[in-house]
């Protein structure tokens, strides 16, 4: 079980680093992918922190994942508003 939790934690760290790297790519072409990587990375790290009783890091990553969720929700809401068909035939 410990090995699985370690793999989960390292995967989450990799997702967060990849998300940051994608935000640095020219024209912000991959920002939408980075939002999801932030969410899943923070959740995976939170699982790892909970297992090891690292409560401050656990809380920080839960807050990080809530912020990522709100950002995704806000983006989806904006897309529905701007890409909604204006005229129906």
C-alpha atoms as a PDB file:
ATOM      1  CA  UNK A   1       0.000   0.000   0.000  1.00  0.00           C
ATOM      2  CA  UNK A   2       2.836   2.380   0.831  1.00  0.00           C
ATOM      3  CA  UNK A   3       4.319   1.972  -2.649  1.00  0.00           C
ATOM      4  CA  UNK A   4       0.949   2.762  -4.266  1.00  0.00           C
ATOM      5  CA  UNK A   5       0.561   5.916  -2.149  1.00  0.00           C
ATOM      6  CA  UNK A   6       4.104   6.983  -3.060  1.00  0.00           C
ATOM      7  CA  UNK A   7       3.392   6.476  -6.770  1.00  0.00           C
ATOM      8  CA  UNK A   8       0.173   8.490  -6.396  1.00  0.00           C
ATOM      9  CA  UNK A   9       2.057  11.339  -4.708  1.00  0.00           C
ATOM     10  CA  UNK A  10       4.863  11.398  -7.274  1.00  0.00           C
ATOM     11  CA  UNK A  11       2.331  11.284 -10.111  1.00  0.00           C
ATOM     12  CA  UNK A  12       0.519  14.263  -8.611  1.00  0.00           C
ATOM     13  CA  UNK A  13       3.791  16.173  -8.376  1.00  0.00           C
ATOM     14  CA  UNK A  14       4.529  15.339 -11.991  1.00  0.00           C
ATOM     15  CA  UNK A  15       1.081  16.565 -13.045  1.00  0.00           C
ATOM     16  CA  UNK A  16       1.601  19.889 -11.270  1.00  0.00           C
ATOM     17  CA  UNK A  17       5.033  20.387 -12.827  1.00  0.00           C
ATOM     18  CA  UNK A  18       3.667  19.494 -16.258  1.00  0.00           C
ATOM     19  CA  UNK A  19       0.765  21.919 -15.738  1.00  0.00           C
ATOM     20  CA  UNK A  20       3.189  24.709 -14.919  1.00  0.00           C
ATOM     21  CA  UNK A  21       5.297  23.846 -17.952  1.00  0.00           C
ATOM     22  CA  UNK A  22       2.235  23.953 -20.213  1.00  0.00           C
ATOM     23  CA  UNK A  23       1.423  27.478 -19.047  1.00  0.00           C
ATOM     24  CA  UNK A  24       4.850  28.572 -20.266  1.00  0.00           C
ATOM     25  CA  UNK A  25       4.267  27.353 -23.827  1.00  0.00           C
ATOM     26  CA  UNK A  26       3.844  30.143 -26.360  1.00  0.00           C
ATOM     27  CA  UNK A  27       0.325  31.459 -27.018  1.00  0.00           C
ATOM     28  CA  UNK A  28      -1.078  29.618 -23.983  1.00  0.00           C
ATOM     29  CA  UNK A  29      -2.200  26.885 -26.344  1.00  0.00           C
ATOM     30  CA  UNK A  30      -2.424  24.221 -23.615  1.00  0.00           C
ATOM     31  CA  UNK A  31      -3.890  26.209 -20.721  1.00  0.00           C
ATOM     32  CA  UNK A  32      -7.082  24.120 -20.641  1.00  0.00           C
ATOM     33  CA  UNK A  33      -5.030  20.943 -20.176  1.00  0.00           C
ATOM     34  CA  UNK A  34      -3.057  22.645 -17.417  1.00  0.00           C
ATOM     35  CA  UNK A  35      -6.260  23.379 -15.488  1.00  0.00           C
ATOM     36  CA  UNK A  36      -7.175  19.706 -15.364  1.00  0.00           C
ATOM     37  CA  UNK A  37      -3.613  18.673 -14.549  1.00  0.00           C
ATOM     38  CA  UNK A  38      -3.660  21.136 -11.634  1.00  0.00           C
ATOM     39  CA  UNK A  39      -6.878  19.610 -10.344  1.00  0.00           C
ATOM     40  CA  UNK A  40      -5.801  15.978 -10.589  1.00  0.00           C
ATOM     41  CA  UNK A  41      -2.255  16.688  -9.418  1.00  0.00           C
ATOM     42  CA  UNK A  42      -3.467  18.462  -6.289  1.00  0.00           C
ATOM     43  CA  UNK A  43      -5.939  15.672  -5.510  1.00  0.00           C
ATOM     44  CA  UNK A  44      -3.275  12.991  -5.885  1.00  0.00           C
ATOM     45  CA  UNK A  45      -0.858  14.873  -3.656  1.00  0.00           C
ATOM     46  CA  UNK A  46      -3.663  15.406  -1.121  1.00  0.00           C
ATOM     47  CA  UNK A  47      -4.209  11.638  -0.982  1.00  0.00           C
ATOM     48  CA  UNK A  48      -0.512  11.143  -0.359  1.00  0.00           C
ATOM     49  CA  UNK A  49      -0.428  13.826   2.351  1.00  0.00           C
ATOM     50  CA  UNK A  50      -3.474  12.390   4.099  1.00  0.00           C
ATOM     51  CA  UNK A  51      -1.903   8.940   4.190  1.00  0.00           C
ATOM     52  CA  UNK A  52       1.267  10.334   5.772  1.00  0.00           C
ATOM     53  CA  UNK A  53      -0.679  12.644   8.139  1.00  0.00           C
ATOM     54  CA  UNK A  54       0.847  15.768   6.594  1.00  0.00           C
ATOM     55  CA  UNK A  55      -2.238  17.807   7.416  1.00  0.00           C
ATOM     56  CA  UNK A  56      -0.964  21.306   6.429  1.00  0.00           C
ATOM     57  CA  UNK A  57       0.049  20.037   2.983  1.00  0.00           C
ATOM     58  CA  UNK A  58      -3.203  18.082   2.726  1.00  0.00           C
ATOM     59  CA  UNK A  59      -5.252  21.232   3.401  1.00  0.00           C
ATOM     60  CA  UNK A  60      -3.142  23.275   0.969  1.00  0.00           C
ATOM     61  CA  UNK A  61      -3.696  20.753  -1.803  1.00  0.00           C
ATOM     62  CA  UNK A  62      -7.425  20.528  -1.113  1.00  0.00           C
ATOM     63  CA  UNK A  63      -7.596  24.329  -1.425  1.00  0.00           C
ATOM     64  CA  UNK A  64      -5.513  24.104  -4.616  1.00  0.00           C
ATOM     65  CA  UNK A  65      -7.925  21.543  -6.088  1.00  0.00           C
ATOM     66  CA  UNK A  66     -10.961  23.649  -5.114  1.00  0.00           C
ATOM     67  CA  UNK A  67      -9.398  26.648  -6.869  1.00  0.00           C
ATOM     68  CA  UNK A  68      -8.732  24.502  -9.955  1.00  0.00           C
ATOM     69  CA  UNK A  69     -12.325  23.242  -9.893  1.00  0.00           C
ATOM     70  CA  UNK A  70     -13.682  26.791  -9.669  1.00  0.00           C
ATOM     71  CA  UNK A  71     -11.435  27.879 -12.539  1.00  0.00           C
ATOM     72  CA  UNK A  72     -12.654  24.998 -14.715  1.00  0.00           C
ATOM     73  CA  UNK A  73     -16.268  25.778 -13.826  1.00  0.00           C
ATOM     74  CA  UNK A  74     -15.806  29.474 -14.606  1.00  0.00           C
ATOM     75  CA  UNK A  75     -14.182  28.647 -17.947  1.00  0.00           C
ATOM     76  CA  UNK A  76     -16.983  26.250 -18.905  1.00  0.00           C
ATOM     77  CA  UNK A  77     -19.611  28.801 -17.931  1.00  0.00           C
ATOM     78  CA  UNK A  78     -17.895  31.472 -20.045  1.00  0.00           C
ATOM     79  CA  UNK A  79     -17.629  29.092 -23.015  1.00  0.00           C
ATOM     80  CA  UNK A  80     -21.338  28.296 -22.822  1.00  0.00           C
ATOM     81  CA  UNK A  81     -22.158  32.007 -22.805  1.00  0.00           C
ATOM     82  CA  UNK A  82     -19.881  33.034 -25.673  1.00  0.00           C
ATOM     83  CA  UNK A  83     -20.360  30.014 -27.918  1.00  0.00           C
ATOM     84  CA  UNK A  84     -24.110  29.745 -27.543  1.00  0.00           C
ATOM     85  CA  UNK A  85     -25.956  30.010 -30.880  1.00  0.00           C
ATOM     86  CA  UNK A  86     -27.540  33.427 -31.121  1.00  0.00           C
ATOM     87  CA  UNK A  87     -30.049  32.715 -33.886  1.00  0.00           C
ATOM     88  CA  UNK A  88     -32.108  29.632 -34.501  1.00  0.00           C
ATOM     89  CA  UNK A  89     -33.458  28.654 -37.852  1.00  0.00           C
END
